[in-house]
Protein backbone atom coordinates (compact mmCIF):
# COMPACT_ATOMS: atom_id res chain seq x y z
CA MET A 1 0.00 0.00 0.00
CA SER A 2 1.43 3.36 -0.96
CA GLY A 3 2.19 6.03 1.58
CA GLY A 4 -0.53 8.36 0.26
CA SER A 5 -3.37 5.82 0.34
CA TRP A 6 -5.06 7.74 3.15
CA TRP A 7 -6.13 10.47 0.72
CA PRO A 8 -9.93 10.08 0.51
CA PHE A 9 -10.23 10.50 -3.27
CA ARG A 10 -7.75 7.77 -4.18
CA GLY A 11 -10.50 5.14 -4.01
CA LEU A 12 -12.62 4.37 -7.07
CA ALA A 13 -15.90 4.69 -5.17
CA ALA A 14 -14.92 8.11 -3.82
CA ARG A 15 -13.94 9.29 -7.28
CA VAL A 16 -17.22 8.12 -8.80
CA ALA A 17 -19.10 9.82 -5.97
CA GLY A 18 -17.09 13.00 -6.50
CA THR A 19 -17.85 12.94 -10.23
CA LEU A 20 -21.58 12.56 -9.58
CA ALA A 21 -21.45 15.31 -6.98
CA ILE A 22 -19.83 17.66 -9.50
CA ALA A 23 -22.45 16.70 -12.10
CA LEU A 24 -25.30 17.47 -9.68
CA MET A 25 -23.66 20.61 -8.31
CA PRO A 26 -25.49 23.00 -10.73
CA ILE A 27 -28.83 21.68 -9.48
CA GLY A 28 -27.71 22.21 -5.91
CA ALA A 29 -26.49 25.73 -6.73
CA ILE A 30 -29.85 26.60 -8.29
CA ALA A 31 -31.66 25.20 -5.26
CA VAL A 32 -29.49 27.17 -2.88
CA TYR A 33 -30.03 30.33 -4.91
CA GLN A 34 -33.77 29.79 -4.82
CA ALA A 35 -33.65 29.16 -1.09
CA VAL A 36 -31.69 32.36 -0.57
CA GLN A 37 -34.21 34.31 -2.65
CA ILE A 38 -37.09 32.75 -0.77
CA GLY A 39 -35.40 33.57 2.51
CA ALA A 40 -34.82 37.18 1.42
CA ASP A 41 -38.45 37.52 0.30
CA GLU A 42 -39.62 36.00 3.57
CA GLN A 43 -37.40 38.41 5.49
CA ARG A 44 -38.79 41.39 3.58
CA ARG A 45 -42.34 40.15 4.12
CA VAL A 46 -41.76 39.71 7.84
CA GLU A 47 -40.20 43.17 8.12
CA ALA A 48 -43.04 44.78 6.17
CA ALA A 49 -45.59 42.99 8.35
CA LEU A 50 -43.77 44.16 11.47
CA LEU A 51 -43.74 47.76 10.26
CA THR A 52 -47.48 47.55 9.60
CA SER A 53 -48.19 45.87 12.94
CA THR A 54 -46.05 48.40 14.79
CA ALA A 55 -47.84 51.29 13.13
CA GLU A 56 -51.22 49.73 13.93
CA ALA A 57 -50.22 48.94 17.51
CA ALA A 58 -48.98 52.51 18.03
CA ALA A 59 -52.10 54.04 16.47
CA GLY A 60 -53.55 54.77 19.91
CA GLU A 61 -50.42 56.58 21.04
CA ALA A 62 -50.22 58.36 17.70
CA LEU A 63 -53.81 59.65 17.95
CA ALA A 64 -53.47 60.59 21.61
CA ILE A 65 -50.13 62.35 21.16
CA SER A 66 -51.31 64.07 17.98
CA ALA A 67 -54.48 65.24 19.71
CA ALA A 68 -52.46 66.45 22.69
CA GLY A 69 -50.00 68.18 20.38
CA GLY A 70 -52.77 69.95 18.50
CA ALA A 71 -54.43 70.97 21.76
CA VAL A 72 -51.27 72.49 23.28
CA ALA A 73 -50.57 74.37 20.06
CA THR A 74 -54.06 75.82 20.03
CA LEU A 75 -54.04 76.65 23.73
CA ALA A 76 -50.58 78.24 23.45
CA ALA A 77 -51.88 80.45 20.66
CA HIS A 78 -54.89 81.54 22.77
CA VAL A 79 -52.72 82.31 25.78
CA ALA A 80 -50.33 84.31 23.59
CA ALA A 81 -53.26 86.22 22.08
CA ASP A 82 -54.58 87.05 25.56
CA GLY A 83 -51.13 88.29 26.58
CA GLY A 84 -50.66 85.65 29.24
CA ALA A 85 -52.85 84.64 32.16
CA ALA A 86 -56.05 86.62 31.58
CA ASP A 87 -59.03 86.64 33.90
CA GLY A 88 -61.05 83.47 33.59
CA CYS A 89 -58.38 81.69 31.54
CA SER A 90 -58.75 78.53 33.57
CA GLU A 91 -62.24 78.05 32.20
CA MET A 92 -60.76 77.43 28.75
CA PHE A 93 -58.55 74.61 30.04
CA VAL A 94 -61.43 73.09 32.02
CA ASN A 95 -63.57 73.02 28.89
CA VAL A 96 -60.76 71.35 26.88
CA VAL A 97 -60.37 68.54 29.46
CA ARG A 98 -64.12 68.14 29.73
CA ALA A 99 -64.55 67.96 25.93
CA THR A 100 -61.71 65.44 25.45
CA PRO A 101 -62.08 62.36 27.70
CA GLN A 102 -58.54 61.13 26.94
CA PHE A 103 -57.06 64.29 28.60
CA SER A 104 -56.70 64.30 32.37
CA PHE A 105 -55.18 67.77 32.75
CA ALA A 106 -54.46 70.94 30.79
CA GLY A 107 -52.84 74.14 32.00
CA TYR A 108 -50.57 77.14 31.46
CA ALA A 109 -47.42 77.85 33.50
CA ASP A 110 -45.55 81.14 33.28
CA ALA A 111 -41.82 81.50 32.74
CA ASP A 112 -41.21 80.99 36.45
CA GLY A 113 -42.97 77.61 36.37
CA ILE A 114 -46.07 78.71 38.35
CA LEU A 115 -49.33 77.23 37.08
CA ARG A 116 -51.45 80.35 36.28
CA CYS A 117 -54.31 78.80 34.32
CA ALA A 118 -55.29 75.13 34.57
CA SER A 119 -58.08 72.63 34.68
CA ALA A 120 -57.02 71.92 38.26
CA ASP A 121 -54.45 72.85 40.94
CA VAL A 122 -53.91 76.50 39.84
CA GLY A 123 -50.89 78.12 41.47
CA ARG A 124 -48.84 74.91 41.68
CA ASP A 125 -45.09 75.24 41.31
CA MET A 126 -43.96 73.15 38.30
CA THR A 127 -40.24 73.81 38.63
CA GLU A 128 -39.67 70.59 40.59
CA GLY A 129 -41.18 68.41 37.88
CA LEU A 130 -39.53 66.71 34.94
CA LEU A 131 -41.05 68.93 32.28
CA TYR A 132 -40.02 72.42 33.41
CA PRO A 133 -36.20 72.05 33.13
CA VAL A 134 -36.46 70.57 29.64
CA ILE A 135 -38.87 73.07 28.05
CA ASN A 136 -37.30 76.03 29.86
CA ARG A 137 -33.95 75.00 28.36
CA ASP A 138 -34.97 74.04 24.84
CA ARG A 139 -38.16 76.18 24.47
CA GLN A 140 -39.38 73.73 21.85
CA PRO A 141 -42.47 71.48 21.75
CA VAL A 142 -41.79 68.36 23.77
CA VAL A 143 -43.50 65.08 24.62
CA MET A 144 -42.50 63.28 27.82
CA ALA A 145 -43.72 60.41 29.97
CA SER A 146 -44.12 60.37 33.71
CA GLY A 147 -44.53 57.26 35.76
CA PHE A 148 -46.62 59.16 38.29
CA GLY A 149 -48.17 62.50 37.36
CA ALA A 150 -48.22 64.87 40.33
CA ILE A 151 -51.61 66.26 39.36
CA SER A 152 -53.25 63.29 37.59
CA GLY A 153 -51.99 60.79 40.14
CA THR A 154 -51.20 58.13 37.46
CA SER A 155 -48.69 57.43 34.67
CA VAL A 156 -49.20 59.93 31.87
CA ILE A 157 -47.81 61.21 28.61
CA VAL A 158 -47.29 64.97 28.75
CA SER A 159 -47.32 67.13 25.63
CA ALA A 160 -46.10 70.71 26.03
CA ALA A 161 -45.46 73.76 23.81
CA PRO A 162 -43.82 77.11 24.66
CA VAL A 163 -45.81 80.37 24.70
CA GLN A 164 -44.24 83.30 22.85
CA ILE A 165 -45.62 86.80 23.50
CA ASN A 166 -44.18 89.44 21.18
CA GLY A 167 -41.22 87.13 20.51
CA ALA A 168 -40.42 86.65 24.19
CA TYR A 169 -40.73 83.40 26.10
CA ALA A 170 -43.67 83.63 28.47
CA GLY A 171 -44.11 80.08 29.76
CA PHE A 172 -45.61 76.90 28.37
CA VAL A 173 -48.89 75.05 27.91
CA LEU A 174 -49.14 71.34 28.78
CA VAL A 175 -51.70 68.57 28.34
CA SER A 176 -51.58 65.17 30.15
CA VAL A 177 -52.87 61.91 28.63
CA PRO A 178 -53.04 58.96 31.06
CA HIS A 179 -51.67 55.67 29.70
CA SER A 180 -54.82 53.92 30.82
CA ARG A 181 -56.89 55.95 28.32
CA ILE A 182 -54.66 55.59 25.25
CA PHE A 183 -56.00 52.27 23.88
CA GLY A 184 -59.57 53.31 24.52
CA ILE A 185 -59.61 55.99 21.86
CA PRO A 186 -60.92 55.32 18.36
CA GLY A 187 -58.27 53.95 15.97
CA SER A 188 -56.21 52.14 18.64
CA SER A 189 -55.29 48.47 18.01
CA THR A 190 -54.87 45.51 20.27
CA LEU A 191 -51.34 44.03 20.29
CA GLU A 192 -50.61 40.90 18.23
CA ALA A 193 -49.15 37.86 19.93
CA ASN A 194 -45.35 38.09 20.47
CA LEU A 195 -45.40 41.77 19.38
CA ASP A 196 -43.74 44.20 21.81
CA VAL A 197 -44.34 47.93 21.21
CA LEU A 198 -43.10 51.01 23.00
CA THR A 199 -43.06 54.72 22.17
CA PHE A 200 -40.22 57.10 22.97
CA ASN A 201 -39.26 60.72 22.38
CA ALA A 202 -36.17 62.18 20.73
CA GLU A 203 -34.27 62.13 24.04
CA GLY A 204 -34.80 58.37 24.32
CA GLU A 205 -37.35 58.56 27.13
CA VAL A 206 -39.97 55.84 26.97
CA LEU A 207 -43.46 57.32 26.71
CA SER A 208 -45.58 54.19 26.70
CA THR A 209 -45.24 50.44 26.39
CA GLY A 210 -47.56 47.56 25.68
CA GLY A 211 -46.39 45.84 28.87
CA ASP A 212 -44.73 46.72 32.13
CA PHE A 213 -42.23 49.60 32.21
CA GLY A 214 -39.83 47.24 34.01
CA ASP A 215 -39.57 45.10 30.85
CA VAL A 216 -38.36 47.96 28.66
CA ALA A 217 -34.77 46.59 28.68
CA GLU A 218 -36.01 43.41 26.96
CA MET A 219 -37.71 45.47 24.23
CA VAL A 220 -34.61 47.44 23.17
CA PRO A 221 -31.88 45.91 20.95
CA VAL A 222 -28.48 45.39 22.55
CA GLY A 223 -25.84 47.83 21.37
CA ARG A 224 -28.30 50.49 20.15
CA THR A 225 -29.78 53.31 22.22
CA LEU A 226 -33.23 54.77 21.67
CA PRO A 227 -31.93 58.22 20.59
CA SER A 228 -29.84 56.48 17.88
CA LEU A 229 -33.06 55.02 16.43
CA VAL A 230 -34.66 58.43 15.84
CA THR A 231 -35.21 59.16 12.14
CA ASN A 232 -37.79 60.69 9.83
CA ARG A 233 -38.49 57.41 8.01
CA GLN A 234 -39.69 53.99 9.06
CA TYR A 235 -37.27 51.06 8.82
CA SER A 236 -36.57 47.59 10.23
CA PHE A 237 -33.49 45.63 11.33
CA SER A 238 -32.47 42.45 13.16
CA GLY A 239 -30.97 42.45 16.62
CA ARG A 240 -30.64 40.69 19.93
CA THR A 241 -32.27 41.56 23.25
CA ALA A 242 -30.55 41.63 26.63
CA SER A 243 -31.67 38.04 27.28
CA GLY A 244 -30.03 36.88 24.02
CA GLU A 245 -33.25 36.41 22.00
CA GLN A 246 -32.98 37.13 18.28
CA ARG A 247 -35.76 39.50 17.18
CA ILE A 248 -36.75 41.75 14.27
CA PHE A 249 -37.19 45.41 15.20
CA ALA A 250 -39.18 48.13 13.41
CA VAL A 251 -39.06 51.92 14.00
CA VAL A 252 -42.11 53.98 12.95
CA PRO A 253 -42.22 57.81 13.38
CA ILE A 254 -45.39 59.03 15.12
CA ILE A 255 -44.33 62.67 15.09
CA PRO A 256 -41.11 62.71 13.02
CA GLY A 257 -38.19 63.87 15.14
CA VAL A 258 -40.34 64.03 18.29
CA VAL A 259 -42.14 60.75 19.03
CA HIS A 260 -41.41 57.30 17.57
CA ALA A 261 -42.68 53.77 18.05
CA LEU A 262 -40.38 50.71 18.37
CA GLY A 263 -41.92 47.31 17.67
CA SER A 264 -40.33 43.86 17.66
CA TRP A 265 -41.18 40.18 17.46
CA PRO A 266 -39.11 36.95 17.44
CA ARG A 267 -37.06 36.22 14.35
CA PRO A 268 -38.75 33.36 12.47
CA THR A 269 -36.88 30.05 12.54
CA LEU A 270 -36.21 27.86 9.52
CA GLY A 271 -39.33 26.12 8.36
CA TRP A 272 -40.22 23.56 5.76
CA THR A 273 -41.00 26.30 3.25
CA ARG A 274 -37.44 27.57 3.45
CA LEU A 275 -35.73 24.21 3.84
CA SER A 276 -37.52 22.19 1.17
CA PRO A 277 -35.74 23.81 -1.83
CA ILE A 278 -32.41 22.77 -0.24
CA LEU A 279 -33.39 19.40 1.23
CA PHE A 280 -34.81 17.99 -2.00
CA PRO A 281 -31.63 18.32 -4.13
CA VAL A 282 -29.51 17.28 -1.15
CA LEU A 283 -31.57 14.13 -0.67
CA MET A 284 -31.48 13.46 -4.40
CA LEU A 285 -27.70 13.87 -4.41
CA MET A 286 -27.27 11.57 -1.40
CA VAL A 287 -29.50 8.87 -2.90
CA GLY A 288 -27.65 9.09 -6.21
CA LEU A 289 -24.30 8.80 -4.48
CA VAL A 290 -25.42 5.82 -2.41
CA VAL A 291 -26.78 4.01 -5.46
CA ALA A 292 -23.68 4.79 -7.52
CA MET A 293 -21.26 3.71 -4.79
CA GLY A 294 -23.24 0.52 -4.20
CA ALA A 295 -23.19 -0.33 -7.91
CA VAL A 296 -19.47 0.43 -8.24
CA ASN A 297 -18.71 -1.62 -5.14
CA ALA A 298 -20.76 -4.62 -6.32
CA LEU A 299 -19.52 -4.59 -9.93
CA VAL A 300 -15.90 -3.46 -9.60
CA ILE A 301 -14.45 -2.69 -6.19
CA ARG A 302 -15.46 -5.99 -4.58
CA HIS A 303 -13.65 -7.97 -7.29
CA ILE A 304 -10.62 -5.65 -7.20
CA ARG A 305 -10.27 -6.19 -3.46
CA HIS A 306 -10.59 -9.94 -4.01
CA LEU A 307 -7.86 -9.73 -6.63
CA ARG A 308 -5.67 -7.80 -4.20
CA ARG A 309 -6.18 -10.50 -1.57
CA ASN A 310 -5.22 -13.13 -4.13
CA MET A 311 -2.04 -11.19 -4.94
CA THR A 312 -1.20 -10.83 -1.26
CA GLU A 313 -1.76 -14.55 -0.73
CA PHE A 314 0.46 -15.30 -3.71
CA SER A 315 3.24 -13.04 -2.38
CA THR A 316 3.31 -14.93 0.94
CA SER A 317 2.52 -18.53 -0.01
CA ARG A 318 2.82 -18.63 -3.82
CA ARG A 319 -0.70 -20.04 -3.96
CA ILE A 320 -2.63 -18.99 -7.09
CA GLU A 321 -6.36 -18.32 -6.77
CA THR A 322 -8.80 -16.97 -9.35
CA LEU A 323 -11.73 -14.62 -8.99
CA ALA A 324 -15.37 -15.62 -9.33
CA PRO A 325 -16.42 -17.64 -12.39
CA SER A 326 -15.97 -15.66 -15.58
CA GLY A 327 -19.72 -15.56 -16.19
CA ARG A 328 -20.17 -13.42 -13.08
CA LEU A 329 -17.42 -10.97 -13.98
CA SER A 330 -17.39 -8.18 -16.50
CA GLN A 331 -15.26 -8.80 -19.56
CA GLU A 332 -12.58 -6.36 -18.44
CA LEU A 333 -12.21 -7.93 -14.99
CA ALA A 334 -12.18 -11.45 -16.47
CA GLU A 335 -9.32 -10.43 -18.80
CA ILE A 336 -7.39 -8.88 -15.91
CA ASP A 337 -7.83 -12.04 -13.84
CA GLU A 338 -6.66 -14.20 -16.75
CA VAL A 339 -3.57 -12.06 -17.34
CA TRP A 340 -2.76 -12.11 -13.61
CA THR A 341 -3.09 -15.89 -13.39
CA ASP A 342 -0.80 -16.42 -16.39
CA LEU A 343 1.74 -13.98 -14.95
CA ALA A 344 1.70 -15.72 -11.56
CA ASN A 345 2.20 -19.16 -13.16
CA ARG A 346 5.16 -17.91 -15.22
CA LEU A 347 6.63 -16.23 -12.15
CA VAL A 348 6.41 -19.47 -10.15
CA GLN A 349 8.12 -21.38 -12.95
CA ASP A 350 10.85 -18.75 -13.32
CA GLU A 351 11.46 -18.72 -9.56
CA ALA A 352 11.80 -22.50 -9.52
CA GLU A 353 14.33 -22.38 -12.34
CA LEU A 354 16.18 -19.52 -10.66
CA GLU A 355 16.34 -21.38 -7.35
CA ASN A 356 17.80 -24.41 -9.11
CA MET A 357 20.42 -22.23 -10.80
CA VAL A 358 21.31 -20.47 -7.53
CA HIS A 359 21.56 -23.80 -5.73
CA GLU A 360 23.88 -25.18 -8.38
CA LYS A 361 26.03 -22.04 -8.30
CA ASN A 362 26.22 -22.14 -4.50
CA VAL A 363 27.31 -25.77 -4.60
CA LEU A 364 29.99 -24.98 -7.17
CA LEU A 365 31.12 -21.88 -5.25
CA LYS A 366 31.38 -23.76 -1.97
CA GLU A 367 33.36 -26.45 -3.76
CA VAL A 368 35.74 -23.77 -5.10
CA HIS A 369 36.23 -22.30 -1.63
CA HIS A 370 36.76 -25.81 -0.23
CA ARG A 371 39.41 -26.60 -2.81
CA VAL A 372 41.13 -23.22 -2.27
CA LYS A 373 41.19 -23.86 1.46
CA ASN A 374 42.68 -27.34 0.91
CA ASN A 375 45.35 -25.90 -1.40
CA LEU A 376 46.22 -23.22 1.15
CA GLN A 377 46.47 -25.83 3.88
CA LEU A 378 48.73 -27.83 1.61
CA ILE A 379 50.94 -24.75 1.16
CA ALA A 380 50.95 -24.23 4.92
CA SER A 381 52.03 -27.84 5.41
CA ILE A 382 54.88 -27.38 2.92
CA VAL A 383 55.94 -24.21 4.74
CA ASN A 384 55.80 -26.16 8.02
CA LEU A 385 58.23 -28.72 6.56
CA LYS A 386 60.53 -25.85 5.59
CA ILE A 387 60.34 -24.50 9.13
CA ARG A 388 61.54 -27.83 10.55
CA ARG A 389 64.52 -27.87 8.17
CA ALA A 390 65.43 -24.18 8.64
CA SER A 391 68.89 -23.77 10.06
CA THR A 392 68.56 -20.29 11.62
CA PRO A 393 65.98 -18.78 14.02
CA GLU A 394 65.48 -15.87 11.62
CA ALA A 395 64.46 -18.19 8.81
CA ARG A 396 62.12 -20.17 11.06
CA ARG A 397 60.47 -16.95 12.28
CA THR A 398 60.00 -15.66 8.76
CA LEU A 399 58.54 -18.94 7.53
CA LYS A 400 56.27 -19.05 10.58
CA GLU A 401 54.87 -15.63 9.69
CA VAL A 402 54.25 -16.76 6.14
CA GLN A 403 52.49 -19.89 7.42
CA MET A 404 50.24 -17.76 9.68
CA ARG A 405 49.28 -15.49 6.77
CA VAL A 406 48.41 -18.47 4.58
CA MET A 407 46.30 -20.00 7.35
CA SER A 408 44.48 -16.67 7.83
CA ILE A 409 43.46 -16.69 4.16
CA ALA A 410 42.48 -20.34 4.44
CA SER A 411 40.22 -19.56 7.42
CA VAL A 412 38.28 -17.08 5.28
CA HIS A 413 37.63 -19.67 2.58
CA ARG A 414 36.69 -22.22 5.23
CA ALA A 415 34.10 -19.77 6.60
CA LEU A 416 32.78 -19.14 3.08
CA TYR A 417 32.01 -22.77 2.28
CA SER A 418 30.95 -23.65 5.85
CA GLY A 419 28.48 -20.80 6.32
CA PRO A 420 24.86 -20.71 5.17
CA THR A 421 25.77 -18.28 2.39
CA SER A 422 28.83 -18.00 0.24
CA GLY A 423 28.65 -14.21 -0.18
CA GLN A 424 29.55 -12.78 3.22
CA VAL A 425 31.43 -13.86 6.32
CA ALA A 426 31.20 -12.94 9.98
CA ALA A 427 34.29 -10.81 10.57
CA ASP A 428 33.96 -11.06 14.35
CA GLU A 429 34.11 -14.87 14.34
CA LEU A 430 37.06 -14.96 11.93
CA LEU A 431 39.00 -12.35 13.92
CA ASN A 432 38.43 -14.27 17.12
CA SER A 433 39.79 -17.47 15.53
CA VAL A 434 42.74 -15.93 13.64
CA ILE A 435 43.86 -13.65 16.49
CA ALA A 436 43.69 -16.53 18.95
CA SER A 437 46.04 -18.49 16.69
CA THR A 438 48.32 -15.46 16.30
CA ILE A 439 48.51 -14.90 20.06
CA SER A 440 49.17 -18.57 20.66
CA ALA A 441 52.02 -18.54 18.16
CA GLY A 442 53.39 -15.16 19.29
CA LEU A 443 53.64 -15.91 23.01
CA THR A 444 56.66 -18.19 22.90
CA ASP A 445 58.05 -17.07 26.31
CA ASP A 446 56.60 -17.26 29.80
CA ARG A 447 55.41 -13.65 30.02
CA LEU A 448 52.12 -12.97 31.83
CA ILE A 449 49.93 -10.39 30.10
CA THR A 450 46.25 -9.42 30.21
CA ILE A 451 44.42 -9.81 26.91
CA ASN A 452 41.03 -8.10 26.46
CA GLN A 453 39.06 -9.06 23.34
CA SER A 454 35.71 -7.68 22.14
CA TYR A 455 34.22 -8.31 18.70
CA ALA A 456 30.96 -6.76 17.49
CA PRO A 457 29.04 -8.67 14.79
CA VAL A 458 30.14 -7.27 11.42
CA GLN A 459 29.40 -8.87 8.04
CA LEU A 460 32.02 -8.44 5.31
CA TYR A 461 32.56 -9.59 1.77
CA PRO A 462 35.69 -11.64 1.03
CA ASP A 463 37.48 -8.74 -0.69
CA GLN A 464 37.55 -6.95 2.68
CA ALA A 465 37.63 -9.92 5.03
CA VAL A 466 40.95 -11.29 3.74
CA PRO A 467 43.01 -8.08 4.08
CA LEU A 468 41.31 -7.30 7.41
CA LEU A 469 42.37 -10.68 8.88
CA LEU A 470 45.89 -10.33 7.56
CA MET A 471 46.17 -6.79 8.91
CA ALA A 472 44.84 -7.83 12.32
CA SER A 473 47.32 -10.70 12.42
CA GLU A 474 50.22 -8.41 11.53
CA ALA A 475 49.13 -5.75 14.05
CA VAL A 476 48.75 -8.29 16.86
CA THR A 477 52.13 -9.82 15.98
CA ASN A 478 53.76 -6.37 16.17
CA ALA A 479 52.01 -5.64 19.46
CA LEU A 480 53.25 -8.91 21.01
CA LYS A 481 56.72 -8.23 19.68
CA TYR A 482 57.13 -4.65 20.92
CA MET A 483 54.90 -4.51 24.04
CA GLY A 484 56.27 -4.09 27.54
CA ARG A 485 55.31 -3.87 31.20
CA LEU A 486 54.46 -0.58 32.95
CA GLU A 487 56.01 0.51 36.25
CA ASN A 488 52.90 -0.67 38.12
CA GLY A 489 53.35 -4.13 36.65
CA GLU A 490 50.51 -3.84 34.13
CA ALA A 491 50.97 -5.55 30.76
CA THR A 492 47.83 -5.38 28.66
CA LEU A 493 46.80 -6.10 25.07
CA ASP A 494 43.34 -4.72 24.03
CA ILE A 495 41.74 -5.97 20.81
CA ALA A 496 38.26 -4.70 19.79
CA LEU A 497 36.07 -4.59 16.70
CA THR A 498 33.17 -2.12 17.02
CA ALA A 499 30.32 -1.23 14.68
CA GLU A 500 29.91 2.56 14.51
CA GLY A 501 26.68 2.59 12.44
CA LEU A 502 26.00 4.72 9.37
CA ASN A 503 28.32 7.57 8.48
CA ALA A 504 27.50 10.74 6.54
CA SER A 505 27.65 8.78 3.25
CA GLY A 506 25.14 6.22 4.47
CA GLN A 507 27.72 3.41 4.75
CA ASN A 508 28.15 1.06 7.71
CA THR A 509 31.37 1.98 9.51
CA ALA A 510 33.49 -0.29 11.72
CA VAL A 511 36.63 0.31 13.80
CA LEU A 512 39.38 -2.22 14.58
CA ARG A 513 41.46 -1.16 17.62
CA ILE A 514 44.63 -2.89 18.87
CA ALA A 515 46.37 -1.26 21.83
CA ASN A 516 49.29 -2.49 23.94
CA THR A 517 51.30 -1.22 26.88
CA ARG A 518 54.89 -0.07 26.34
CA GLY A 519 57.10 0.48 29.37
CA THR A 520 59.89 -2.08 29.89
CA PRO A 521 60.04 -4.35 26.76
CA PHE A 522 59.71 -8.11 27.21
CA LEU A 523 62.15 -8.80 24.36
CA ALA A 524 65.64 -7.45 23.97
CA PRO A 525 66.18 -4.93 21.13
CA ASP A 526 68.29 -7.44 19.12
CA GLN A 527 65.35 -9.88 19.19
CA VAL A 528 62.74 -7.46 17.76
CA SER A 529 64.66 -5.82 14.95
CA GLY A 530 62.77 -6.31 11.69
CA SER A 531 62.89 -5.47 8.01
CA GLY A 532 59.72 -3.34 8.01
CA LEU A 533 57.75 -5.88 6.00
CA GLY A 534 54.98 -6.00 8.61
CA ARG A 535 54.53 -2.26 8.51
CA SER A 536 54.39 -2.29 4.75
CA LEU A 537 51.84 -5.10 4.78
CA ILE A 538 49.65 -3.22 7.26
CA ALA A 539 49.69 -0.11 5.08
CA GLY A 540 48.93 -2.17 1.98
CA PHE A 541 46.06 -4.03 3.64
CA ALA A 542 44.61 -0.72 4.90
CA THR A 543 44.69 0.63 1.35
CA GLN A 544 43.09 -2.55 0.03
CA ILE A 545 40.28 -2.35 2.61
CA GLY A 546 39.72 1.34 1.88
CA GLY A 547 40.22 2.31 5.52
CA THR A 548 42.16 4.89 7.46
CA VAL A 549 44.87 4.02 9.99
CA VAL A 550 45.47 6.28 12.99
CA THR A 551 48.14 5.57 15.64
CA ASP A 552 48.35 7.22 19.04
CA VAL A 553 51.70 6.76 20.76
CA SER A 554 52.30 7.79 24.37
CA GLU A 555 54.89 6.91 26.99
CA ASP A 556 52.76 4.04 28.31
CA TRP A 557 50.54 2.99 25.38
CA TYR A 558 50.61 2.33 21.68
CA ASP A 559 47.09 2.63 20.19
CA PHE A 560 46.38 1.39 16.63
CA ARG A 561 43.00 2.20 15.02
CA LEU A 562 41.64 1.20 11.61
CA THR A 563 38.36 2.84 10.49
CA PHE A 564 36.73 1.37 7.40
CA GLU A 565 33.39 1.07 5.61
CA ALA A 566 31.70 -2.31 5.22
CA ASP A 567 31.20 -1.90 1.47
CA THR A 568 29.33 -4.17 -0.90
CA PHE A 569 31.36 -6.41 -3.15
CA ASN A 570 33.07 -4.45 -5.94
CA PRO A 571 35.83 -6.40 -7.68
CA GLN A 572 36.92 -3.47 -9.88
CA SER A 573 37.41 -1.20 -6.88
CA GLN A 574 39.37 -3.89 -5.04
CA ASP A 575 41.67 -4.55 -8.00
CA ALA A 576 42.38 -0.85 -8.28
CA ASN A 577 43.56 -0.79 -4.65
CA LEU A 578 46.17 -3.53 -5.20
CA HIS A 579 49.58 -1.91 -5.53
CA ASP A 580 53.09 -2.10 -4.15
CA VAL A 581 52.62 -0.57 -0.71
CA GLU A 582 56.13 -1.49 0.45
CA ALA A 583 57.68 0.90 -2.08
CA GLU A 584 55.57 3.86 -0.87
CA GLY A 585 57.13 4.02 2.62
CA SER A 586 53.84 5.15 4.14
CA ALA A 587 53.36 2.32 6.61
CA PRO A 588 52.64 3.11 10.29
CA LYS A 589 55.43 2.84 12.80
CA PRO A 590 55.79 -0.34 14.89
CA ALA A 591 54.09 -0.72 18.24
CA GLY A 592 57.23 -0.01 20.18
């Protein structure tokens, strides 16, 4: 399975479903557009209905406030014509209240706020009320609400207008309309269900409400004040109340710039009328996708998955299975199954032939390594005969070194034909065997030394294993020859093969380390003098392996390190590294 198989549209069923979805997308777009248009029309209808309902619900306030406004204008004109508070002026105000049942009080107050003419309570000081400071400051017609009228003794709407005599401010005329009488006048309307209506003046003071004055906060939209709603035209908008309820609000001017009505009702939720244009194409799309995916799964995907299981089974057990009978498959799938079966049969036959060929080659290769090992042992035996007949110790030592090198090469070939494979050898096992033989042959005296050996498992090809064994043998021989004992009596030989892992080039790296103590030599100088052949061989073997030799010499220790890469077999590269290393003079110095 590929690394990107998680992507949802890689599957055939998903792609078919995606194609059908794209094909049906125009229908869905048209349906959504229609739903949006229907929603917009519904919104406009609801807003228009709210404006109408608000205007009808505020008709009582509109008539009462208009009547009060007309009355104060007329009364102010009469007072101005009479030059102020004339004799018997209160009779005019009494007649106005008596002729208009919706009015509870009418009167005239001079510029000092003293009630001079009135339907009741003449001489009352009005300066402590809510109306006097406003009209005395602005000297403009004003409409206000009072929760408790001082004269009427109930909640009222007060309409007032200034009195101008010869261009000078001479007081004001006011008329009170109790809230309890507003909806009783002709033209008033009962409130619809869920419709909240209130009236307010330009300063944002609530004049009347269809409910309790304590619920005014729930009738006003959050984030908008009543003065900000004042305008000369009627309009609607959506908002949220303090309790979080979504409502549609409408503002209707009763007296433009002076008194306005604010109505609201809950925002309509989605209904079937608005959802059906969207649900129908969505359902049609879903049904089409389900049918298409079911058909694709039954006709194609099910058989493809079965074919994949057959391939997986073949990869693990080489068992060949076919799909359903050809009569139940489409022609294309039957042809694919036939081609796959033929391919699997040919692959099984080719693998059988290849295994036979590999087996024969392995047998021949093991036989070659066996014969090479026998020939090398024969050479070692001949050298051994020469050692017995050698007349000088120098000749016997030289022949012994040759015999050890031949046996090291023979051990590699023995490992090649004895192991399960003839391609690679375990370098750690070979080093353990060869170095043990080298130490046994090199310790000819009775010296007591400590030998520490550690070999990590490293697999090498023969082109590196042979020079590595020969180099290790030479390095150990040099160490035994030149090592000594420290002042504290320590005499140690450390031999280690470690696997360092992958280097920057991605190759497996290994390190061979051979370290020995120096100090007082075990052998006299005349017994360890050599021709330098060992050093030359070490340098040549290091070149052949493709490694790097580093030596660290101190007063007490000689440390030899070979770092190399465990390369794959490359005969051309190995042949190129074979040269006369003795003539280069680049070999490392001896252990002493």
